[in-house]
Amino acid sequence: MHKLNITALGESALLIEFGNHIDEQVQEWIQAAASRLENDPFPGYLECVPSFTTLTVYYDLLQVKNVGGSGTAFDYISSLITKRLESIVTDGMRRREVVEIPVCYGGRHGPDLAYVAEVNGLDEKEVIHIHTSQEFLVYALGFTPGFPYLGGLPDSISTPRRATPRLCIPAGSVGIAGSQTGIYPLETPGGWQIIGRTPLALFQPEQDPPVLLKSGQSIRFKAIDSSEYDRLAGESK
């Protein structure tokens, strides 16, 4: 494990940097570190939040001050984290958990599918085939609760954001923005090119956990027709 770059993030959190570029190897280290801290928490540990190249660790400042002795809470927590992570190994050889996401592409559920196809010199069936032919790594959740930022979108269907964002994107909408693809868990404004919609609920605040997906998982999209969409949507209510 290379030397960690740890910086303070306010009074009750710190940021661990694992690299300066987005790739799966960096993500493996982040997931391994998150797993180690979850399984071997230090006094005052609250949670950690993985992102593309960093891991944010939150802690209870009052509890840390009670056990940390002299020095700052940041120094104390940094030393504990460094010791815990100095011997971590990644799970790169282990098969990631794959979550299948059914999607009804095009039509009323995917109003921008034709545009994505046109921009890339493809027909709509080719776009769907490319989008459903590989696994996408969940690098981070953000923007809205449960929104997955996915890596691995092929250049062949990469498409710029809309010039004018929509005021209302339905929950479950699957979109493309540049070299990323993602799923809107909630009805929100947005500028991504919408190519389809899943009937699955990605965010249910009454559930534990409230989000369907988590960083470190992989997603594989599966094309379904409108009747299957309606059936699955009815089951999820």
C-alpha atoms as a PDB file:
ATOM      1  CA  MET A   1       0.000   0.000   0.000  1.00  0.00           C
ATOM      2  CA  HIS A   2       1.456   3.371  -1.020  1.00  0.00           C
ATOM      3  CA  LYS A   3       1.683   6.289   1.426  1.00  0.00           C
ATOM      4  CA  LEU A   4      -1.747   7.735   2.164  1.00  0.00           C
ATOM      5  CA  ASN A   5      -2.514  11.411   1.689  1.00  0.00           C
ATOM      6  CA  ILE A   6      -4.851  12.333   4.559  1.00  0.00           C
ATOM      7  CA  THR A   7      -6.250  15.841   5.012  1.00  0.00           C
ATOM      8  CA  ALA A   8      -8.729  17.389   7.437  1.00  0.00           C
ATOM      9  CA  LEU A   9     -12.286  17.994   6.264  1.00  0.00           C
ATOM     10  CA  GLY A  10     -13.774  20.267   8.885  1.00  0.00           C
ATOM     11  CA  GLU A  11     -13.631  19.296  12.560  1.00  0.00           C
ATOM     12  CA  SER A  12     -15.264  15.864  12.381  1.00  0.00           C
ATOM     13  CA  ALA A  13     -14.131  14.295   9.120  1.00  0.00           C
ATOM     14  CA  LEU A  14     -11.035  13.623   7.081  1.00  0.00           C
ATOM     15  CA  LEU A  15     -10.309  12.831   3.461  1.00  0.00           C
ATOM     16  CA  ILE A  16      -8.047  10.005   2.288  1.00  0.00           C
ATOM     17  CA  GLU A  17      -6.728  10.356  -1.271  1.00  0.00           C
ATOM     18  CA  PHE A  18      -5.822   7.167  -3.140  1.00  0.00           C
ATOM     19  CA  GLY A  19      -4.874   8.663  -6.505  1.00  0.00           C
ATOM     20  CA  ASN A  20      -5.473  11.490  -8.936  1.00  0.00           C
ATOM     21  CA  HIS A  21      -7.171   9.610 -11.744  1.00  0.00           C
ATOM     22  CA  ILE A  22     -10.277   7.436 -12.016  1.00  0.00           C
ATOM     23  CA  ASP A  23      -9.701   3.753 -12.646  1.00  0.00           C
ATOM     24  CA  GLU A  24     -10.765   0.395 -11.243  1.00  0.00           C
ATOM     25  CA  GLN A  25      -7.489  -0.274  -9.409  1.00  0.00           C
ATOM     26  CA  VAL A  26      -7.843   2.929  -7.379  1.00  0.00           C
ATOM     27  CA  GLN A  27     -11.456   1.965  -6.660  1.00  0.00           C
ATOM     28  CA  GLU A  28     -10.319  -1.459  -5.411  1.00  0.00           C
ATOM     29  CA  TRP A  29      -8.072   0.233  -2.831  1.00  0.00           C
ATOM     30  CA  ILE A  30     -10.882   2.541  -1.750  1.00  0.00           C
ATOM     31  CA  GLN A  31     -13.309  -0.356  -1.277  1.00  0.00           C
ATOM     32  CA  ALA A  32     -10.706  -2.381   0.628  1.00  0.00           C
ATOM     33  CA  ALA A  33     -10.014   0.571   2.947  1.00  0.00           C
ATOM     34  CA  ALA A  34     -13.721   1.172   3.537  1.00  0.00           C
ATOM     35  CA  SER A  35     -14.216  -2.499   4.364  1.00  0.00           C
ATOM     36  CA  ARG A  36     -11.321  -2.476   6.838  1.00  0.00           C
ATOM     37  CA  LEU A  37     -12.649   0.578   8.674  1.00  0.00           C
ATOM     38  CA  GLU A  38     -16.199  -0.779   8.771  1.00  0.00           C
ATOM     39  CA  ASN A  39     -14.997  -4.105  10.180  1.00  0.00           C
ATOM     40  CA  ASP A  40     -12.417  -2.611  12.568  1.00  0.00           C
ATOM     41  CA  PRO A  41     -13.764   0.819  13.563  1.00  0.00           C
ATOM     42  CA  PHE A  42     -11.760   3.158  15.772  1.00  0.00           C
ATOM     43  CA  PRO A  43     -13.327   4.875  18.830  1.00  0.00           C
ATOM     44  CA  GLY A  44     -15.703   7.578  17.594  1.00  0.00           C
ATOM     45  CA  TYR A  45     -15.996   6.184  14.045  1.00  0.00           C
ATOM     46  CA  LEU A  46     -19.331   7.018  12.370  1.00  0.00           C
ATOM     47  CA  GLU A  47     -19.121   6.122   8.689  1.00  0.00           C
ATOM     48  CA  CYS A  48     -17.026   6.356   5.554  1.00  0.00           C
ATOM     49  CA  VAL A  49     -18.133   7.487   2.096  1.00  0.00           C
ATOM     50  CA  PRO A  50     -16.267   6.215  -0.991  1.00  0.00           C
ATOM     51  CA  SER A  51     -15.935   8.381  -4.088  1.00  0.00           C
ATOM     52  CA  PHE A  52     -14.001   8.234  -7.372  1.00  0.00           C
ATOM     53  CA  THR A  53     -10.501   8.677  -5.914  1.00  0.00           C
ATOM     54  CA  THR A  54     -11.111   9.416  -2.216  1.00  0.00           C
ATOM     55  CA  LEU A  55     -12.625   8.025   0.962  1.00  0.00           C
ATOM     56  CA  THR A  56     -14.235  10.442   3.428  1.00  0.00           C
ATOM     57  CA  VAL A  57     -14.255   9.278   7.040  1.00  0.00           C
ATOM     58  CA  TYR A  58     -16.646  10.837   9.569  1.00  0.00           C
ATOM     59  CA  TYR A  59     -16.196  10.615  13.329  1.00  0.00           C
ATOM     60  CA  ASP A  60     -17.751  11.844  16.584  1.00  0.00           C
ATOM     61  CA  LEU A  61     -15.451  14.673  17.694  1.00  0.00           C
ATOM     62  CA  LEU A  62     -16.567  14.578  21.328  1.00  0.00           C
ATOM     63  CA  GLN A  63     -15.944  10.853  21.642  1.00  0.00           C
ATOM     64  CA  VAL A  64     -12.549  11.179  19.973  1.00  0.00           C
ATOM     65  CA  LYS A  65     -11.506  13.945  22.379  1.00  0.00           C
ATOM     66  CA  ASN A  66     -12.396  11.699  25.309  1.00  0.00           C
ATOM     67  CA  VAL A  67     -10.017   8.943  24.194  1.00  0.00           C
ATOM     68  CA  GLY A  68      -7.406  10.723  22.094  1.00  0.00           C
ATOM     69  CA  GLY A  69      -5.229  12.235  24.805  1.00  0.00           C
ATOM     70  CA  SER A  70      -2.910  15.054  23.733  1.00  0.00           C
ATOM     71  CA  GLY A  71      -2.761  16.477  20.234  1.00  0.00           C
ATOM     72  CA  THR A  72      -5.590  17.206  17.820  1.00  0.00           C
ATOM     73  CA  ALA A  73      -8.422  14.835  16.991  1.00  0.00           C
ATOM     74  CA  PHE A  74      -7.281  14.882  13.378  1.00  0.00           C
ATOM     75  CA  ASP A  75      -3.757  13.767  14.303  1.00  0.00           C
ATOM     76  CA  TYR A  76      -5.104  11.021  16.529  1.00  0.00           C
ATOM     77  CA  ILE A  77      -7.579   9.673  13.950  1.00  0.00           C
ATOM     78  CA  SER A  78      -5.011   9.921  11.155  1.00  0.00           C
ATOM     79  CA  SER A  79      -2.599   7.750  13.122  1.00  0.00           C
ATOM     80  CA  LEU A  80      -5.296   5.154  13.845  1.00  0.00           C
ATOM     81  CA  ILE A  81      -6.350   5.013  10.201  1.00  0.00           C
ATOM     82  CA  THR A  82      -2.784   4.767   8.948  1.00  0.00           C
ATOM     83  CA  LYS A  83      -2.158   1.760  11.218  1.00  0.00           C
ATOM     84  CA  ARG A  84      -5.366   0.050  10.158  1.00  0.00           C
ATOM     85  CA  LEU A  85      -4.754   0.526   6.441  1.00  0.00           C
ATOM     86  CA  GLU A  86      -1.021  -0.137   6.203  1.00  0.00           C
ATOM     87  CA  SER A  87      -1.557  -3.840   5.507  1.00  0.00           C
ATOM     88  CA  ILE A  88      -4.779  -3.876   3.500  1.00  0.00           C
ATOM     89  CA  VAL A  89      -5.027  -5.896   0.323  1.00  0.00           C
ATOM     90  CA  THR A  90      -7.591  -5.460  -2.426  1.00  0.00           C
ATOM     91  CA  ASP A  91     -10.242  -7.915  -3.488  1.00  0.00           C
ATOM     92  CA  GLY A  92      -9.368  -7.410  -7.131  1.00  0.00           C
ATOM     93  CA  MET A  93      -9.433 -11.121  -7.868  1.00  0.00           C
ATOM     94  CA  ARG A  94     -12.852 -11.548  -6.230  1.00  0.00           C
ATOM     95  CA  ARG A  95     -15.925 -11.325  -8.415  1.00  0.00           C
ATOM     96  CA  ARG A  96     -17.873  -8.145  -7.698  1.00  0.00           C
ATOM     97  CA  GLU A  97     -21.529  -8.296  -6.783  1.00  0.00           C
ATOM     98  CA  VAL A  98     -23.530  -7.628  -9.948  1.00  0.00           C
ATOM     99  CA  VAL A  99     -26.967  -6.010  -9.754  1.00  0.00           C
ATOM    100  CA  GLU A 100     -29.230  -6.431 -12.783  1.00  0.00           C
ATOM    101  CA  ILE A 101     -31.224  -3.317 -13.638  1.00  0.00           C
ATOM    102  CA  PRO A 102     -34.188  -3.850 -16.006  1.00  0.00           C
ATOM    103  CA  VAL A 103     -34.714  -0.905 -18.367  1.00  0.00           C
ATOM    104  CA  CYS A 104     -37.421  -0.054 -20.861  1.00  0.00           C
ATOM    105  CA  TYR A 105     -35.530   1.844 -23.562  1.00  0.00           C
ATOM    106  CA  GLY A 106     -36.890   4.522 -25.886  1.00  0.00           C
ATOM    107  CA  GLY A 107     -40.435   5.758 -26.358  1.00  0.00           C
ATOM    108  CA  ARG A 108     -41.998   7.654 -23.462  1.00  0.00           C
ATOM    109  CA  HIS A 109     -39.422   6.193 -21.079  1.00  0.00           C
ATOM    110  CA  GLY A 110     -36.389   7.143 -23.172  1.00  0.00           C
ATOM    111  CA  PRO A 111     -37.112  10.326 -25.138  1.00  0.00           C
ATOM    112  CA  ASP A 112     -33.427  10.948 -25.999  1.00  0.00           C
ATOM    113  CA  LEU A 113     -32.564   7.467 -27.295  1.00  0.00           C
ATOM    114  CA  ALA A 114     -32.984   8.558 -30.923  1.00  0.00           C
ATOM    115  CA  TYR A 115     -30.706  11.559 -30.361  1.00  0.00           C
ATOM    116  CA  VAL A 116     -27.971   9.429 -28.755  1.00  0.00           C
ATOM    117  CA  ALA A 117     -28.168   7.079 -31.733  1.00  0.00           C
ATOM    118  CA  GLU A 118     -28.025   9.927 -34.268  1.00  0.00           C
ATOM    119  CA  VAL A 119     -25.057  11.665 -32.621  1.00  0.00           C
ATOM    120  CA  ASN A 120     -23.042   8.453 -32.676  1.00  0.00           C
ATOM    121  CA  GLY A 121     -24.057   7.265 -36.144  1.00  0.00           C
ATOM    122  CA  LEU A 122     -25.971   4.278 -34.810  1.00  0.00           C
ATOM    123  CA  ASP A 123     -29.532   3.037 -34.783  1.00  0.00           C
ATOM    124  CA  GLU A 124     -31.496   2.744 -31.548  1.00  0.00           C
ATOM    125  CA  LYS A 125     -31.108  -1.042 -31.308  1.00  0.00           C
ATOM    126  CA  GLU A 126     -27.325  -0.681 -31.502  1.00  0.00           C
ATOM    127  CA  VAL A 127     -27.313   1.840 -28.655  1.00  0.00           C
ATOM    128  CA  ILE A 128     -29.395  -0.521 -26.513  1.00  0.00           C
ATOM    129  CA  HIS A 129     -27.129  -3.458 -27.379  1.00  0.00           C
ATOM    130  CA  ILE A 130     -23.995  -1.522 -26.378  1.00  0.00           C
ATOM    131  CA  HIS A 131     -25.582  -0.224 -23.172  1.00  0.00           C
ATOM    132  CA  THR A 132     -26.667  -3.723 -22.089  1.00  0.00           C
ATOM    133  CA  SER A 133     -23.549  -5.616 -23.186  1.00  0.00           C
ATOM    134  CA  GLN A 134     -21.213  -4.845 -20.302  1.00  0.00           C
ATOM    135  CA  GLU A 135     -20.952  -4.265 -16.592  1.00  0.00           C
ATOM    136  CA  PHE A 136     -20.647  -0.777 -15.131  1.00  0.00           C
ATOM    137  CA  LEU A 137     -18.764  -0.193 -11.888  1.00  0.00           C
ATOM    138  CA  VAL A 138     -20.518   1.954  -9.270  1.00  0.00           C
ATOM    139  CA  TYR A 139     -17.812   4.444  -8.297  1.00  0.00           C
ATOM    140  CA  ALA A 140     -19.881   6.676  -6.046  1.00  0.00           C
ATOM    141  CA  LEU A 141     -23.379   7.684  -4.954  1.00  0.00           C
ATOM    142  CA  GLY A 142     -24.384  11.315  -4.938  1.00  0.00           C
ATOM    143  CA  PHE A 143     -26.252  14.256  -6.501  1.00  0.00           C
ATOM    144  CA  THR A 144     -29.479  12.834  -5.038  1.00  0.00           C
ATOM    145  CA  PRO A 145     -29.801   9.934  -2.555  1.00  0.00           C
ATOM    146  CA  GLY A 146     -28.838   6.693  -4.281  1.00  0.00           C
ATOM    147  CA  PHE A 147     -27.783   8.224  -7.625  1.00  0.00           C
ATOM    148  CA  PRO A 148     -25.024   5.917  -8.967  1.00  0.00           C
ATOM    149  CA  TYR A 149     -22.082   7.385 -10.856  1.00  0.00           C
ATOM    150  CA  LEU A 150     -21.031   4.581 -13.176  1.00  0.00           C
ATOM    151  CA  GLY A 151     -17.737   4.028 -14.963  1.00  0.00           C
ATOM    152  CA  GLY A 152     -17.101   2.231 -18.212  1.00  0.00           C
ATOM    153  CA  LEU A 153     -19.465   3.815 -20.736  1.00  0.00           C
ATOM    154  CA  PRO A 154     -18.117   3.004 -24.224  1.00  0.00           C
ATOM    155  CA  ASP A 155     -17.046   5.961 -26.359  1.00  0.00           C
ATOM    156  CA  SER A 156     -19.342   4.649 -29.090  1.00  0.00           C
ATOM    157  CA  ILE A 157     -22.432   5.926 -27.214  1.00  0.00           C
ATOM    158  CA  SER A 158     -20.908   8.862 -25.312  1.00  0.00           C
ATOM    159  CA  THR A 159     -23.161  11.909 -25.762  1.00  0.00           C
ATOM    160  CA  PRO A 160     -22.982  15.504 -24.439  1.00  0.00           C
ATOM    161  CA  ARG A 161     -25.507  16.732 -21.911  1.00  0.00           C
ATOM    162  CA  ARG A 162     -28.597  18.539 -23.112  1.00  0.00           C
ATOM    163  CA  ALA A 163     -28.066  22.228 -23.867  1.00  0.00           C
ATOM    164  CA  THR A 164     -31.172  22.997 -21.799  1.00  0.00           C
ATOM    165  CA  PRO A 165     -31.854  20.783 -18.766  1.00  0.00           C
ATOM    166  CA  ARG A 166     -35.346  19.421 -18.210  1.00  0.00           C
ATOM    167  CA  LEU A 167     -37.231  20.726 -15.203  1.00  0.00           C
ATOM    168  CA  CYS A 168     -38.548  17.266 -14.334  1.00  0.00           C
ATOM    169  CA  ILE A 169     -36.849  13.891 -14.882  1.00  0.00           C
ATOM    170  CA  PRO A 170     -38.964  10.928 -13.670  1.00  0.00           C
ATOM    171  CA  ALA A 171     -37.541   8.647 -10.982  1.00  0.00           C
ATOM    172  CA  GLY A 172     -35.862   5.599 -12.492  1.00  0.00           C
ATOM    173  CA  SER A 173     -34.730   7.396 -15.645  1.00  0.00           C
ATOM    174  CA  VAL A 174     -31.488   6.088 -17.133  1.00  0.00           C
ATOM    175  CA  GLY A 175     -29.326   8.750 -18.740  1.00  0.00           C
ATOM    176  CA  ILE A 176     -26.052   9.487 -20.484  1.00  0.00           C
ATOM    177  CA  ALA A 177     -23.926  12.593 -19.946  1.00  0.00           C
ATOM    178  CA  GLY A 178     -20.572  12.681 -21.705  1.00  0.00           C
ATOM    179  CA  SER A 179     -18.708   9.493 -20.826  1.00  0.00           C
ATOM    180  CA  GLN A 180     -20.968   8.611 -17.865  1.00  0.00           C
ATOM    181  CA  THR A 181     -24.251   6.818 -17.467  1.00  0.00           C
ATOM    182  CA  GLY A 182     -26.463   6.887 -14.388  1.00  0.00           C
ATOM    183  CA  ILE A 183     -29.944   6.420 -12.943  1.00  0.00           C
ATOM    184  CA  TYR A 184     -32.146   9.100 -11.381  1.00  0.00           C
ATOM    185  CA  PRO A 185     -33.515   7.715  -8.073  1.00  0.00           C
ATOM    186  CA  LEU A 186     -35.881  10.646  -7.551  1.00  0.00           C
ATOM    187  CA  GLU A 187     -37.915  12.993  -9.719  1.00  0.00           C
ATOM    188  CA  THR A 188     -35.577  15.959 -10.184  1.00  0.00           C
ATOM    189  CA  PRO A 189     -34.435  18.478 -12.796  1.00  0.00           C
ATOM    190  CA  GLY A 190     -31.557  17.245 -14.930  1.00  0.00           C
ATOM    191  CA  GLY A 191     -29.610  17.629 -18.136  1.00  0.00           C
ATOM    192  CA  TRP A 192     -28.651  14.050 -18.938  1.00  0.00           C
ATOM    193  CA  GLN A 193     -29.800  12.418 -22.177  1.00  0.00           C
ATOM    194  CA  ILE A 194     -32.583  10.040 -21.085  1.00  0.00           C
ATOM    195  CA  ILE A 195     -32.494   6.727 -22.979  1.00  0.00           C
ATOM    196  CA  GLY A 196     -34.756   4.576 -20.787  1.00  0.00           C
ATOM    197  CA  ARG A 197     -36.306   3.991 -17.400  1.00  0.00           C
ATOM    198  CA  THR A 198     -36.161   1.252 -14.781  1.00  0.00           C
ATOM    199  CA  PRO A 199     -39.186   0.243 -12.694  1.00  0.00           C
ATOM    200  CA  LEU A 200     -36.928  -0.502  -9.711  1.00  0.00           C
ATOM    201  CA  ALA A 201     -36.941   1.919  -6.781  1.00  0.00           C
ATOM    202  CA  LEU A 202     -33.372   3.066  -6.101  1.00  0.00           C
ATOM    203  CA  PHE A 203     -34.264   5.115  -3.033  1.00  0.00           C
ATOM    204  CA  GLN A 204     -36.817   4.105  -0.393  1.00  0.00           C
ATOM    205  CA  PRO A 205     -36.306   6.104   2.816  1.00  0.00           C
ATOM    206  CA  GLU A 206     -38.451   3.701   4.835  1.00  0.00           C
ATOM    207  CA  GLN A 207     -36.152   0.769   4.000  1.00  0.00           C
ATOM    208  CA  ASP A 208     -32.865  -0.185   5.688  1.00  0.00           C
ATOM    209  CA  PRO A 209     -30.669   0.479   3.840  1.00  0.00           C
ATOM    210  CA  PRO A 210     -32.671   3.147   2.003  1.00  0.00           C
ATOM    211  CA  VAL A 211     -30.687   2.849  -1.259  1.00  0.00           C
ATOM    212  CA  LEU A 212     -30.640  -0.099  -3.656  1.00  0.00           C
ATOM    213  CA  LEU A 213     -27.056   0.305  -4.826  1.00  0.00           C
ATOM    214  CA  LYS A 214     -23.683   0.907  -3.187  1.00  0.00           C
ATOM    215  CA  SER A 215     -20.222   1.816  -4.408  1.00  0.00           C
ATOM    216  CA  GLY A 216     -18.056  -1.125  -5.403  1.00  0.00           C
ATOM    217  CA  GLN A 217     -20.941  -3.051  -6.949  1.00  0.00           C
ATOM    218  CA  SER A 218     -21.348  -3.584 -10.684  1.00  0.00           C
ATOM    219  CA  ILE A 219     -24.489  -2.949 -12.695  1.00  0.00           C
ATOM    220  CA  ARG A 220     -25.673  -4.766 -15.784  1.00  0.00           C
ATOM    221  CA  PHE A 221     -28.634  -3.280 -17.618  1.00  0.00           C
ATOM    222  CA  LYS A 222     -31.273  -5.596 -19.119  1.00  0.00           C
ATOM    223  CA  ALA A 223     -33.672  -4.440 -21.834  1.00  0.00           C
ATOM    224  CA  ILE A 224     -37.371  -5.071 -21.159  1.00  0.00           C
ATOM    225  CA  ASP A 225     -40.538  -4.113 -23.047  1.00  0.00           C
ATOM    226  CA  SER A 226     -43.248  -1.751 -21.827  1.00  0.00           C
ATOM    227  CA  SER A 227     -45.546  -4.536 -20.585  1.00  0.00           C
ATOM    228  CA  GLU A 228     -42.735  -5.990 -18.456  1.00  0.00           C
ATOM    229  CA  TYR A 229     -41.975  -2.506 -17.191  1.00  0.00           C
ATOM    230  CA  ASP A 230     -45.595  -2.023 -16.110  1.00  0.00           C
ATOM    231  CA  ARG A 231     -45.652  -5.427 -14.395  1.00  0.00           C
ATOM    232  CA  LEU A 232     -42.439  -4.805 -12.439  1.00  0.00           C
ATOM    233  CA  ALA A 233     -43.511  -1.254 -11.581  1.00  0.00           C
ATOM    234  CA  GLY A 234     -46.725  -2.631 -10.100  1.00  0.00           C
ATOM    235  CA  GLU A 235     -44.799  -5.156  -8.008  1.00  0.00           C
ATOM    236  CA  SER A 236     -42.487  -2.477  -6.599  1.00  0.00           C
ATOM    237  CA  LYS A 237     -45.348  -0.359  -5.205  1.00  0.00           C
END
